[in-house]
Amino acid sequence: MLVVILNWLWLITGIVTTLFGLFLVILPGPGILGLLGLLASFAILLGILLIATGVDLRRRGENPIGKLAAG
């Protein structure tokens, strides 16, 4: 069952990627703006996750650098 689901996901991913590539070829201006929006969204989400991880480590009183140095 899982193999069938994974095969469908690969198929959907291939179709979406192909359509996005065609969109970039046909309309490069809006396509690049869409790609820029995706990249900016990823950067914002990553920043929020890094801040949340730092706050969590601070609350726990752990020092990840000290753990790396202690080995």
PDB file of N, CA and C in Angstrom:
ATOM      1  N   MET A   1       0.824  -1.204   0.000  1.00  0.00           N
ATOM      2  CA  MET A   1       0.000   0.000   0.000  1.00  0.00           C
ATOM      3  C   MET A   1       0.865   1.263   0.000  1.00  0.00           C
ATOM      4  N   LEU A   2       1.909   1.248   0.835  1.00  0.00           N
ATOM      5  CA  LEU A   2       2.792   2.416   0.923  1.00  0.00           C
ATOM      6  C   LEU A   2       3.523   2.649  -0.400  1.00  0.00           C
ATOM      7  N   VAL A   3       3.900   1.573  -1.074  1.00  0.00           N
ATOM      8  CA  VAL A   3       4.607   1.697  -2.352  1.00  0.00           C
ATOM      9  C   VAL A   3       3.709   2.360  -3.390  1.00  0.00           C
ATOM     10  N   VAL A   4       2.434   2.012  -3.389  1.00  0.00           N
ATOM     11  CA  VAL A   4       1.498   2.607  -4.336  1.00  0.00           C
ATOM     12  C   VAL A   4       1.357   4.104  -4.069  1.00  0.00           C
ATOM     13  N   ILE A   5       1.270   4.485  -2.797  1.00  0.00           N
ATOM     14  CA  ILE A   5       1.156   5.903  -2.440  1.00  0.00           C
ATOM     15  C   ILE A   5       2.413   6.650  -2.861  1.00  0.00           C
ATOM     16  N   LEU A   6       3.588   6.055  -2.605  1.00  0.00           N
ATOM     17  CA  LEU A   6       4.841   6.714  -2.982  1.00  0.00           C
ATOM     18  C   LEU A   6       4.949   6.869  -4.492  1.00  0.00           C
ATOM     19  N   ASN A   7       4.484   5.872  -5.247  1.00  0.00           N
ATOM     20  CA  ASN A   7       4.514   5.983  -6.706  1.00  0.00           C
ATOM     21  C   ASN A   7       3.627   7.131  -7.177  1.00  0.00           C
ATOM     22  N   TRP A   8       2.446   7.275  -6.577  1.00  0.00           N
ATOM     23  CA  TRP A   8       1.568   8.382  -6.933  1.00  0.00           C
ATOM     24  C   TRP A   8       2.198   9.721  -6.577  1.00  0.00           C
ATOM     25  N   LEU A   9       2.888   9.786  -5.435  1.00  0.00           N
ATOM     26  CA  LEU A   9       3.543  11.041  -5.057  1.00  0.00           C
ATOM     27  C   LEU A   9       4.639  11.410  -6.051  1.00  0.00           C
ATOM     28  N   TRP A  10       5.407  10.413  -6.525  1.00  0.00           N
ATOM     29  CA  TRP A  10       6.434  10.679  -7.525  1.00  0.00           C
ATOM     30  C   TRP A  10       5.807  11.187  -8.818  1.00  0.00           C
ATOM     31  N   LEU A  11       4.689  10.592  -9.206  1.00  0.00           N
ATOM     32  CA  LEU A  11       4.004  11.008 -10.420  1.00  0.00           C
ATOM     33  C   LEU A  11       3.497  12.440 -10.294  1.00  0.00           C
ATOM     34  N   ILE A  12       2.862  12.756  -9.193  1.00  0.00           N
ATOM     35  CA  ILE A  12       2.342  14.117  -8.969  1.00  0.00           C
ATOM     36  C   ILE A  12       3.483  15.120  -8.921  1.00  0.00           C
ATOM     37  N   THR A  13       4.590  14.759  -8.254  1.00  0.00           N
ATOM     38  CA  THR A  13       5.749  15.651  -8.183  1.00  0.00           C
ATOM     39  C   THR A  13       6.307  15.925  -9.571  1.00  0.00           C
ATOM     40  N   GLY A  14       6.402  14.895 -10.399  1.00  0.00           N
ATOM     41  CA  GLY A  14       6.900  15.073 -11.761  1.00  0.00           C
ATOM     42  C   GLY A  14       6.005  15.966 -12.591  1.00  0.00           C
ATOM     43  N   ILE A  15       4.701  15.791 -12.465  1.00  0.00           N
ATOM     44  CA  ILE A  15       3.756  16.618 -13.221  1.00  0.00           C
ATOM     45  C   ILE A  15       3.838  18.071 -12.779  1.00  0.00           C
ATOM     46  N   VAL A  16       3.845  18.310 -11.475  1.00  0.00           N
ATOM     47  CA  VAL A  16       3.902  19.685 -10.961  1.00  0.00           C
ATOM     48  C   VAL A  16       5.212  20.348 -11.356  1.00  0.00           C
ATOM     49  N   THR A  17       6.318  19.623 -11.262  1.00  0.00           N
ATOM     50  CA  THR A  17       7.616  20.188 -11.642  1.00  0.00           C
ATOM     51  C   THR A  17       7.658  20.529 -13.124  1.00  0.00           C
ATOM     52  N   THR A  18       7.121  19.667 -13.953  1.00  0.00           N
ATOM     53  CA  THR A  18       7.086  19.924 -15.393  1.00  0.00           C
ATOM     54  C   THR A  18       6.223  21.140 -15.713  1.00  0.00           C
ATOM     55  N   LEU A  19       5.061  21.218 -15.097  1.00  0.00           N
ATOM     56  CA  LEU A  19       4.181  22.372 -15.330  1.00  0.00           C
ATOM     57  C   LEU A  19       4.842  23.674 -14.867  1.00  0.00           C
ATOM     58  N   PHE A  20       5.528  23.633 -13.723  1.00  0.00           N
ATOM     59  CA  PHE A  20       6.210  24.836 -13.243  1.00  0.00           C
ATOM     60  C   PHE A  20       7.340  25.232 -14.194  1.00  0.00           C
ATOM     61  N   GLY A  21       8.061  24.240 -14.724  1.00  0.00           N
ATOM     62  CA  GLY A  21       9.115  24.534 -15.694  1.00  0.00           C
ATOM     63  C   GLY A  21       8.556  25.165 -16.960  1.00  0.00           C
ATOM     64  N   LEU A  22       7.445  24.653 -17.447  1.00  0.00           N
ATOM     65  CA  LEU A  22       6.800  25.255 -18.618  1.00  0.00           C
ATOM     66  C   LEU A  22       6.320  26.670 -18.325  1.00  0.00           C
ATOM     67  N   PHE A  23       5.796  26.876 -17.128  1.00  0.00           N
ATOM     68  CA  PHE A  23       5.355  28.209 -16.723  1.00  0.00           C
ATOM     69  C   PHE A  23       6.527  29.190 -16.727  1.00  0.00           C
ATOM     70  N   LEU A  24       7.693  28.734 -16.244  1.00  0.00           N
ATOM     71  CA  LEU A  24       8.874  29.601 -16.245  1.00  0.00           C
ATOM     72  C   LEU A  24       9.337  29.918 -17.671  1.00  0.00           C
ATOM     73  N   VAL A  25       9.210  28.965 -18.579  1.00  0.00           N
ATOM     74  CA  VAL A  25       9.632  29.195 -19.961  1.00  0.00           C
ATOM     75  C   VAL A  25       8.670  30.140 -20.661  1.00  0.00           C
ATOM     76  N   ILE A  26       7.370  29.946 -20.451  1.00  0.00           N
ATOM     77  CA  ILE A  26       6.367  30.749 -21.146  1.00  0.00           C
ATOM     78  C   ILE A  26       6.262  32.158 -20.561  1.00  0.00           C
ATOM     79  N   LEU A  27       6.231  32.257 -19.249  1.00  0.00           N
ATOM     80  CA  LEU A  27       6.104  33.555 -18.573  1.00  0.00           C
ATOM     81  C   LEU A  27       7.240  33.724 -17.564  1.00  0.00           C
ATOM     82  N   PRO A  28       8.423  34.116 -18.028  1.00  0.00           N
ATOM     83  CA  PRO A  28       9.570  34.163 -17.106  1.00  0.00           C
ATOM     84  C   PRO A  28       9.432  35.211 -16.001  1.00  0.00           C
ATOM     85  N   GLY A  29       8.799  36.339 -16.287  1.00  0.00           N
ATOM     86  CA  GLY A  29       8.677  37.386 -15.264  1.00  0.00           C
ATOM     87  C   GLY A  29       7.877  36.929 -14.051  1.00  0.00           C
ATOM     88  N   PRO A  30       6.608  36.560 -14.237  1.00  0.00           N
ATOM     89  CA  PRO A  30       5.824  36.079 -13.091  1.00  0.00           C
ATOM     90  C   PRO A  30       6.383  34.793 -12.484  1.00  0.00           C
ATOM     91  N   GLY A  31       7.021  33.965 -13.301  1.00  0.00           N
ATOM     92  CA  GLY A  31       7.605  32.728 -12.785  1.00  0.00           C
ATOM     93  C   GLY A  31       8.739  32.999 -11.825  1.00  0.00           C
ATOM     94  N   ILE A  32       9.596  33.946 -12.182  1.00  0.00           N
ATOM     95  CA  ILE A  32      10.708  34.306 -11.305  1.00  0.00           C
ATOM     96  C   ILE A  32      10.184  34.956 -10.029  1.00  0.00           C
ATOM     97  N   LEU A  33       9.141  35.770 -10.157  1.00  0.00           N
ATOM     98  CA  LEU A  33       8.555  36.376  -8.955  1.00  0.00           C
ATOM     99  C   LEU A  33       7.949  35.303  -8.050  1.00  0.00           C
ATOM    100  N   GLY A  34       7.323  34.292  -8.636  1.00  0.00           N
ATOM    101  CA  GLY A  34       6.793  33.192  -7.841  1.00  0.00           C
ATOM    102  C   GLY A  34       7.895  32.415  -7.138  1.00  0.00           C
ATOM    103  N   LEU A  35       8.978  32.170  -7.860  1.00  0.00           N
ATOM    104  CA  LEU A  35      10.119  31.483  -7.272  1.00  0.00           C
ATOM    105  C   LEU A  35      10.740  32.309  -6.155  1.00  0.00           C
ATOM    106  N   LEU A  36      10.816  33.612  -6.356  1.00  0.00           N
ATOM    107  CA  LEU A  36      11.336  34.496  -5.324  1.00  0.00           C
ATOM    108  C   LEU A  36      10.440  34.484  -4.088  1.00  0.00           C
ATOM    109  N   GLY A  37       9.133  34.439  -4.293  1.00  0.00           N
ATOM    110  CA  GLY A  37       8.203  34.357  -3.171  1.00  0.00           C
ATOM    111  C   GLY A  37       8.369  33.066  -2.389  1.00  0.00           C
ATOM    112  N   LEU A  38       8.568  31.946  -3.096  1.00  0.00           N
ATOM    113  CA  LEU A  38       8.800  30.671  -2.413  1.00  0.00           C
ATOM    114  C   LEU A  38      10.090  30.696  -1.603  1.00  0.00           C
ATOM    115  N   LEU A  39      11.128  31.264  -2.182  1.00  0.00           N
ATOM    116  CA  LEU A  39      12.407  31.351  -1.486  1.00  0.00           C
ATOM    117  C   LEU A  39      12.302  32.244  -0.253  1.00  0.00           C
ATOM    118  N   ALA A  40      11.611  33.365  -0.386  1.00  0.00           N
ATOM    119  CA  ALA A  40      11.434  34.263   0.752  1.00  0.00           C
ATOM    120  C   ALA A  40      10.607  33.600   1.850  1.00  0.00           C
ATOM    121  N   SER A  41       9.574  32.876   1.476  1.00  0.00           N
ATOM    122  CA  SER A  41       8.753  32.165   2.468  1.00  0.00           C
ATOM    123  C   SER A  41       9.576  31.123   3.205  1.00  0.00           C
ATOM    124  N   PHE A  42      10.413  30.402   2.472  1.00  0.00           N
ATOM    125  CA  PHE A  42      11.271  29.405   3.100  1.00  0.00           C
ATOM    126  C   PHE A  42      12.243  30.063   4.074  1.00  0.00           C
ATOM    127  N   ALA A  43      12.829  31.190   3.678  1.00  0.00           N
ATOM    128  CA  ALA A  43      13.788  31.879   4.545  1.00  0.00           C
ATOM    129  C   ALA A  43      13.112  32.388   5.818  1.00  0.00           C
ATOM    130  N   ILE A  44      11.911  32.912   5.697  1.00  0.00           N
ATOM    131  CA  ILE A  44      11.181  33.397   6.863  1.00  0.00           C
ATOM    132  C   ILE A  44      10.836  32.237   7.795  1.00  0.00           C
ATOM    133  N   LEU A  45      10.339  31.134   7.242  1.00  0.00           N
ATOM    134  CA  LEU A  45       9.989  29.973   8.053  1.00  0.00           C
ATOM    135  C   LEU A  45      11.226  29.399   8.747  1.00  0.00           C
ATOM    136  N   LEU A  46      12.337  29.309   8.039  1.00  0.00           N
ATOM    137  CA  LEU A  46      13.564  28.803   8.625  1.00  0.00           C
ATOM    138  C   LEU A  46      14.039  29.712   9.751  1.00  0.00           C
ATOM    139  N   GLY A  47      13.952  31.017   9.558  1.00  0.00           N
ATOM    140  CA  GLY A  47      14.337  31.954  10.610  1.00  0.00           C
ATOM    141  C   GLY A  47      13.484  31.799  11.860  1.00  0.00           C
ATOM    142  N   ILE A  48      12.185  31.647  11.677  1.00  0.00           N
ATOM    143  CA  ILE A  48      11.285  31.459  12.819  1.00  0.00           C
ATOM    144  C   ILE A  48      11.634  30.165  13.559  1.00  0.00           C
ATOM    145  N   LEU A  49      11.896  29.086  12.814  1.00  0.00           N
ATOM    146  CA  LEU A  49      12.253  27.818  13.451  1.00  0.00           C
ATOM    147  C   LEU A  49      13.585  27.913  14.195  1.00  0.00           C
ATOM    148  N   LEU A  50      14.545  28.619  13.647  1.00  0.00           N
ATOM    149  CA  LEU A  50      15.831  28.784  14.330  1.00  0.00           C
ATOM    150  C   LEU A  50      15.684  29.592  15.611  1.00  0.00           C
ATOM    151  N   ILE A  51      14.877  30.640  15.570  1.00  0.00           N
ATOM    152  CA  ILE A  51      14.637  31.442  16.770  1.00  0.00           C
ATOM    153  C   ILE A  51      13.928  30.606  17.830  1.00  0.00           C
ATOM    154  N   ALA A  52      12.921  29.832  17.428  1.00  0.00           N
ATOM    155  CA  ALA A  52      12.198  28.994  18.382  1.00  0.00           C
ATOM    156  C   ALA A  52      13.122  27.946  18.998  1.00  0.00           C
ATOM    157  N   THR A  53      14.010  27.378  18.209  1.00  0.00           N
ATOM    158  CA  THR A  53      14.961  26.404  18.736  1.00  0.00           C
ATOM    159  C   THR A  53      15.921  27.062  19.719  1.00  0.00           C
ATOM    160  N   GLY A  54      16.392  28.265  19.404  1.00  0.00           N
ATOM    161  CA  GLY A  54      17.278  28.981  20.309  1.00  0.00           C
ATOM    162  C   GLY A  54      16.608  29.319  21.630  1.00  0.00           C
ATOM    163  N   VAL A  55      15.347  29.738  21.572  1.00  0.00           N
ATOM    164  CA  VAL A  55      14.607  30.051  22.793  1.00  0.00           C
ATOM    165  C   VAL A  55      14.419  28.784  23.624  1.00  0.00           C
ATOM    166  N   ASP A  56      14.103  27.675  22.969  1.00  0.00           N
ATOM    167  CA  ASP A  56      13.920  26.415  23.688  1.00  0.00           C
ATOM    168  C   ASP A  56      15.218  25.974  24.364  1.00  0.00           C
ATOM    169  N   LEU A  57      16.333  26.075  23.666  1.00  0.00           N
ATOM    170  CA  LEU A  57      17.622  25.718  24.269  1.00  0.00           C
ATOM    171  C   LEU A  57      17.964  26.634  25.432  1.00  0.00           C
ATOM    172  N   ARG A  58      17.636  27.901  25.301  1.00  0.00           N
ATOM    173  CA  ARG A  58      17.913  28.854  26.378  1.00  0.00           C
ATOM    174  C   ARG A  58      17.093  28.504  27.622  1.00  0.00           C
ATOM    175  N   ARG A  59      15.826  28.122  27.419  1.00  0.00           N
ATOM    176  CA  ARG A  59      14.973  27.750  28.556  1.00  0.00           C
ATOM    177  C   ARG A  59      15.485  26.495  29.255  1.00  0.00           C
ATOM    178  N   ARG A  60      15.987  25.568  28.477  1.00  0.00           N
ATOM    179  CA  ARG A  60      16.488  24.327  29.069  1.00  0.00           C
ATOM    180  C   ARG A  60      17.835  24.516  29.760  1.00  0.00           C
ATOM    181  N   GLY A  61      18.501  25.615  29.445  1.00  0.00           N
ATOM    182  CA  GLY A  61      19.799  25.876  30.051  1.00  0.00           C
ATOM    183  C   GLY A  61      20.928  25.060  29.443  1.00  0.00           C
ATOM    184  N   GLU A  62      20.703  24.561  28.235  1.00  0.00           N
ATOM    185  CA  GLU A  62      21.729  23.775  27.564  1.00  0.00           C
ATOM    186  C   GLU A  62      22.591  24.656  26.688  1.00  0.00           C
ATOM    187  N   ASN A  63      23.837  24.307  26.579  1.00  0.00           N
ATOM    188  CA  ASN A  63      24.749  25.033  25.713  1.00  0.00           C
ATOM    189  C   ASN A  63      25.251  24.053  24.662  1.00  0.00           C
ATOM    190  N   PRO A  64      24.715  24.135  23.433  1.00  0.00           N
ATOM    191  CA  PRO A  64      25.119  23.163  22.421  1.00  0.00           C
ATOM    192  C   PRO A  64      26.592  23.254  22.063  1.00  0.00           C
ATOM    193  N   ILE A  65      27.184  24.430  22.194  1.00  0.00           N
ATOM    194  CA  ILE A  65      28.611  24.573  21.886  1.00  0.00           C
ATOM    195  C   ILE A  65      29.442  23.854  22.933  1.00  0.00           C
ATOM    196  N   GLY A  66      29.024  23.950  24.191  1.00  0.00           N
ATOM    197  CA  GLY A  66      29.730  23.247  25.257  1.00  0.00           C
ATOM    198  C   GLY A  66      29.669  21.749  25.069  1.00  0.00           C
ATOM    199  N   LYS A  67      28.535  21.239  24.589  1.00  0.00           N
ATOM    200  CA  LYS A  67      28.413  19.799  24.342  1.00  0.00           C
ATOM    201  C   LYS A  67      29.337  19.372  23.227  1.00  0.00           C
ATOM    202  N   LEU A  68      29.472  20.190  22.200  1.00  0.00           N
ATOM    203  CA  LEU A  68      30.352  19.843  21.098  1.00  0.00           C
ATOM    204  C   LEU A  68      31.812  19.865  21.549  1.00  0.00           C
ATOM    205  N   ALA A  69      32.159  20.845  22.382  1.00  0.00           N
ATOM    206  CA  ALA A  69      33.533  20.946  22.848  1.00  0.00           C
ATOM    207  C   ALA A  69      33.893  19.799  23.793  1.00  0.00           C
ATOM    208  N   ALA A  70      32.888  19.359  24.592  1.00  0.00           N
ATOM    209  CA  ALA A  70      33.144  18.278  25.543  1.00  0.00           C
ATOM    210  C   ALA A  70      33.271  16.936  24.815  1.00  0.00           C
ATOM    211  N   GLY A  71      32.656  16.865  23.632  1.00  0.00           N
ATOM    212  CA  GLY A  71      32.820  15.732  22.777  1.00  0.00           C
ATOM    213  C   GLY A  71      32.085  14.510  23.087  1.00  0.00           C
TER     214      GLY A  71
END
